N, C-alpha and C. Protein backbone atom coordinates (compact mmCIF):
# COMPACT_ATOMS: atom_id res chain seq x y z
N MET A 1 0.82 -1.19 0.00
CA MET A 1 0.00 0.00 0.00
C MET A 1 0.87 1.26 0.00
N PHE A 2 1.97 1.19 0.72
CA PHE A 2 2.86 2.35 0.80
C PHE A 2 3.27 2.79 -0.59
N GLU A 3 3.71 1.86 -1.41
CA GLU A 3 4.18 2.21 -2.75
C GLU A 3 3.05 2.74 -3.62
N LEU A 4 1.86 2.27 -3.41
CA LEU A 4 0.71 2.76 -4.17
C LEU A 4 0.45 4.24 -3.87
N PHE A 5 0.67 4.66 -2.64
CA PHE A 5 0.43 6.04 -2.25
C PHE A 5 1.69 6.91 -2.35
N ASP A 6 2.79 6.34 -2.75
CA ASP A 6 4.03 7.09 -2.98
C ASP A 6 3.99 7.65 -4.40
N PHE A 7 3.15 8.66 -4.60
CA PHE A 7 2.88 9.18 -5.94
C PHE A 7 4.13 9.70 -6.65
N ASN A 8 5.05 10.31 -5.91
CA ASN A 8 6.26 10.86 -6.53
C ASN A 8 7.41 9.87 -6.57
N GLU A 9 7.19 8.64 -6.13
CA GLU A 9 8.17 7.56 -6.15
C GLU A 9 9.50 7.93 -5.48
N MET A 10 9.40 8.59 -4.32
CA MET A 10 10.59 9.00 -3.56
C MET A 10 10.87 8.05 -2.39
N ASN A 11 10.07 7.00 -2.24
CA ASN A 11 10.20 6.02 -1.16
C ASN A 11 9.98 6.61 0.23
N TYR A 12 9.18 7.65 0.29
CA TYR A 12 8.74 8.19 1.57
C TYR A 12 7.36 8.80 1.38
N LEU A 13 6.64 8.93 2.47
CA LEU A 13 5.34 9.58 2.46
C LEU A 13 5.34 10.69 3.50
N GLU A 14 4.72 11.78 3.16
CA GLU A 14 4.49 12.82 4.14
C GLU A 14 3.38 12.34 5.07
N LEU A 15 3.31 12.91 6.26
CA LEU A 15 2.34 12.46 7.24
C LEU A 15 0.91 12.53 6.72
N ILE A 16 0.59 13.58 5.99
CA ILE A 16 -0.76 13.72 5.45
C ILE A 16 -1.09 12.58 4.48
N ASN A 17 -0.07 12.11 3.76
CA ASN A 17 -0.28 11.00 2.83
C ASN A 17 -0.44 9.67 3.56
N ILE A 18 0.21 9.53 4.70
CA ILE A 18 0.01 8.32 5.51
C ILE A 18 -1.42 8.31 6.05
N GLU A 19 -1.89 9.47 6.49
CA GLU A 19 -3.27 9.56 6.95
C GLU A 19 -4.23 9.22 5.82
N PHE A 20 -3.98 9.74 4.63
CA PHE A 20 -4.83 9.46 3.48
C PHE A 20 -4.82 7.97 3.14
N MET A 21 -3.65 7.34 3.22
CA MET A 21 -3.51 5.91 2.94
C MET A 21 -4.34 5.09 3.93
N ILE A 22 -4.21 5.39 5.21
CA ILE A 22 -4.96 4.66 6.24
C ILE A 22 -6.46 4.86 6.05
N ASN A 23 -6.85 6.10 5.83
CA ASN A 23 -8.26 6.41 5.62
C ASN A 23 -8.81 5.65 4.41
N SER A 24 -8.09 5.66 3.32
CA SER A 24 -8.53 4.98 2.10
C SER A 24 -8.65 3.47 2.31
N CYS A 25 -7.68 2.89 2.99
CA CYS A 25 -7.71 1.44 3.25
C CYS A 25 -8.90 1.07 4.12
N LEU A 26 -9.14 1.85 5.17
CA LEU A 26 -10.27 1.56 6.05
C LEU A 26 -11.60 1.72 5.32
N ASN A 27 -11.75 2.82 4.61
CA ASN A 27 -13.00 3.05 3.88
C ASN A 27 -13.24 1.96 2.84
N SER A 28 -12.19 1.55 2.14
CA SER A 28 -12.33 0.48 1.14
C SER A 28 -12.72 -0.84 1.79
N THR A 29 -12.09 -1.16 2.90
CA THR A 29 -12.40 -2.40 3.61
C THR A 29 -13.85 -2.41 4.08
N PHE A 30 -14.28 -1.29 4.66
CA PHE A 30 -15.67 -1.20 5.12
C PHE A 30 -16.64 -1.34 3.96
N LYS A 31 -16.31 -0.74 2.84
CA LYS A 31 -17.19 -0.82 1.67
C LYS A 31 -17.26 -2.26 1.14
N ILE A 32 -16.12 -2.92 1.06
CA ILE A 32 -16.08 -4.30 0.56
C ILE A 32 -16.93 -5.22 1.44
N TYR A 33 -16.82 -5.05 2.74
CA TYR A 33 -17.55 -5.91 3.67
C TYR A 33 -18.91 -5.34 4.07
N LYS A 34 -19.32 -4.27 3.39
CA LYS A 34 -20.63 -3.65 3.61
C LYS A 34 -20.85 -3.28 5.08
N ILE A 35 -19.80 -2.72 5.67
CA ILE A 35 -19.86 -2.24 7.05
C ILE A 35 -20.19 -0.75 7.01
N LYS A 36 -21.25 -0.37 7.67
CA LYS A 36 -21.64 1.04 7.70
C LYS A 36 -20.97 1.69 8.91
N TYR A 37 -19.82 2.28 8.66
CA TYR A 37 -19.06 2.92 9.74
C TYR A 37 -18.30 4.10 9.15
N GLU A 38 -18.36 5.20 9.83
CA GLU A 38 -17.63 6.39 9.41
C GLU A 38 -16.22 6.35 10.00
N VAL A 39 -15.24 6.49 9.15
CA VAL A 39 -13.86 6.52 9.61
C VAL A 39 -13.63 7.82 10.36
N ASP A 40 -13.00 7.72 11.52
CA ASP A 40 -12.72 8.88 12.36
C ASP A 40 -11.38 9.49 11.96
N ASP A 41 -11.43 10.59 11.21
CA ASP A 41 -10.20 11.24 10.75
C ASP A 41 -9.34 11.72 11.92
N GLY A 42 -9.98 12.14 12.99
CA GLY A 42 -9.24 12.59 14.17
C GLY A 42 -8.45 11.46 14.80
N GLU A 43 -9.03 10.28 14.82
CA GLU A 43 -8.34 9.12 15.39
C GLU A 43 -7.14 8.73 14.53
N ILE A 44 -7.30 8.81 13.21
CA ILE A 44 -6.19 8.51 12.30
C ILE A 44 -5.08 9.54 12.48
N ASN A 45 -5.46 10.80 12.58
CA ASN A 45 -4.49 11.87 12.78
C ASN A 45 -3.72 11.66 14.07
N GLN A 46 -4.42 11.28 15.13
CA GLN A 46 -3.78 11.03 16.42
C GLN A 46 -2.80 9.85 16.33
N LEU A 47 -3.21 8.79 15.67
CA LEU A 47 -2.34 7.62 15.49
C LEU A 47 -1.05 8.01 14.76
N VAL A 48 -1.19 8.71 13.66
CA VAL A 48 -0.02 9.10 12.86
C VAL A 48 0.88 10.04 13.65
N ASN A 49 0.29 11.02 14.30
CA ASN A 49 1.11 11.98 15.06
C ASN A 49 1.76 11.35 16.28
N THR A 50 1.12 10.35 16.86
CA THR A 50 1.71 9.66 18.01
C THR A 50 2.94 8.86 17.60
N HIS A 51 2.89 8.21 16.46
CA HIS A 51 3.96 7.30 16.07
C HIS A 51 4.97 7.90 15.09
N PHE A 52 4.62 8.99 14.43
CA PHE A 52 5.53 9.55 13.42
C PHE A 52 5.70 11.05 13.55
N SER A 53 5.37 11.64 14.69
CA SER A 53 5.36 13.09 14.83
C SER A 53 6.73 13.75 14.72
N LEU A 54 7.78 13.00 14.95
CA LEU A 54 9.12 13.58 14.89
C LEU A 54 9.63 13.74 13.46
N GLU A 55 8.87 13.24 12.51
CA GLU A 55 9.31 13.27 11.13
C GLU A 55 8.28 13.97 10.27
N GLU A 56 8.76 14.67 9.25
CA GLU A 56 7.83 15.25 8.28
C GLU A 56 7.56 14.26 7.17
N GLU A 57 8.52 13.38 6.95
CA GLU A 57 8.40 12.36 5.91
C GLU A 57 8.79 11.02 6.52
N VAL A 58 8.08 9.98 6.12
CA VAL A 58 8.34 8.65 6.66
C VAL A 58 8.82 7.77 5.51
N ALA A 59 10.02 7.24 5.66
CA ALA A 59 10.58 6.34 4.64
C ALA A 59 9.91 4.98 4.73
N ILE A 60 9.90 4.29 3.63
CA ILE A 60 9.22 2.99 3.57
C ILE A 60 9.82 2.00 4.57
N ASP A 61 11.14 2.01 4.75
CA ASP A 61 11.74 1.06 5.69
C ASP A 61 11.33 1.37 7.13
N HIS A 62 11.20 2.65 7.47
CA HIS A 62 10.75 3.03 8.81
C HIS A 62 9.29 2.62 9.01
N PHE A 63 8.47 2.80 8.00
CA PHE A 63 7.06 2.41 8.09
C PHE A 63 6.93 0.91 8.26
N LEU A 64 7.73 0.14 7.54
CA LEU A 64 7.68 -1.32 7.67
C LEU A 64 8.13 -1.76 9.06
N GLN A 65 9.14 -1.09 9.61
CA GLN A 65 9.58 -1.41 10.98
C GLN A 65 8.46 -1.13 11.98
N TYR A 66 7.76 -0.01 11.78
CA TYR A 66 6.63 0.31 12.66
C TYR A 66 5.56 -0.79 12.57
N CYS A 67 5.24 -1.21 11.35
CA CYS A 67 4.23 -2.26 11.16
C CYS A 67 4.66 -3.56 11.81
N LYS A 68 5.92 -3.90 11.68
CA LYS A 68 6.43 -5.13 12.28
C LYS A 68 6.33 -5.07 13.81
N ARG A 69 6.74 -3.94 14.40
CA ARG A 69 6.64 -3.78 15.86
C ARG A 69 5.20 -3.85 16.32
N SER A 70 4.29 -3.21 15.59
CA SER A 70 2.88 -3.22 15.96
C SER A 70 2.31 -4.62 15.91
N TYR A 71 2.69 -5.39 14.91
CA TYR A 71 2.21 -6.75 14.78
C TYR A 71 2.74 -7.63 15.92
N GLU A 72 4.01 -7.44 16.30
CA GLU A 72 4.61 -8.25 17.35
C GLU A 72 4.02 -7.93 18.71
N CYS A 73 3.49 -6.72 18.89
CA CYS A 73 2.93 -6.31 20.17
C CYS A 73 1.57 -6.93 20.43
N GLU A 74 0.91 -7.42 19.41
CA GLU A 74 -0.46 -7.96 19.58
C GLU A 74 -0.46 -9.31 20.21
């Protein structure tokens, strides 16, 4: 998904693009499974700012490390 939203092919996403990616994935998933739920943009913004606030741009390798850590914590 990261590469799909990396429109300029620079191997990084700005925080706003990460929020857009998450929002798009959630909305698409809800639509596919016919779940009537409004995605909370504020919650997505909080998630992104909590985990990536020190950076203006997030490289793909850093994003993958975050995903790996999040998966291992579950």
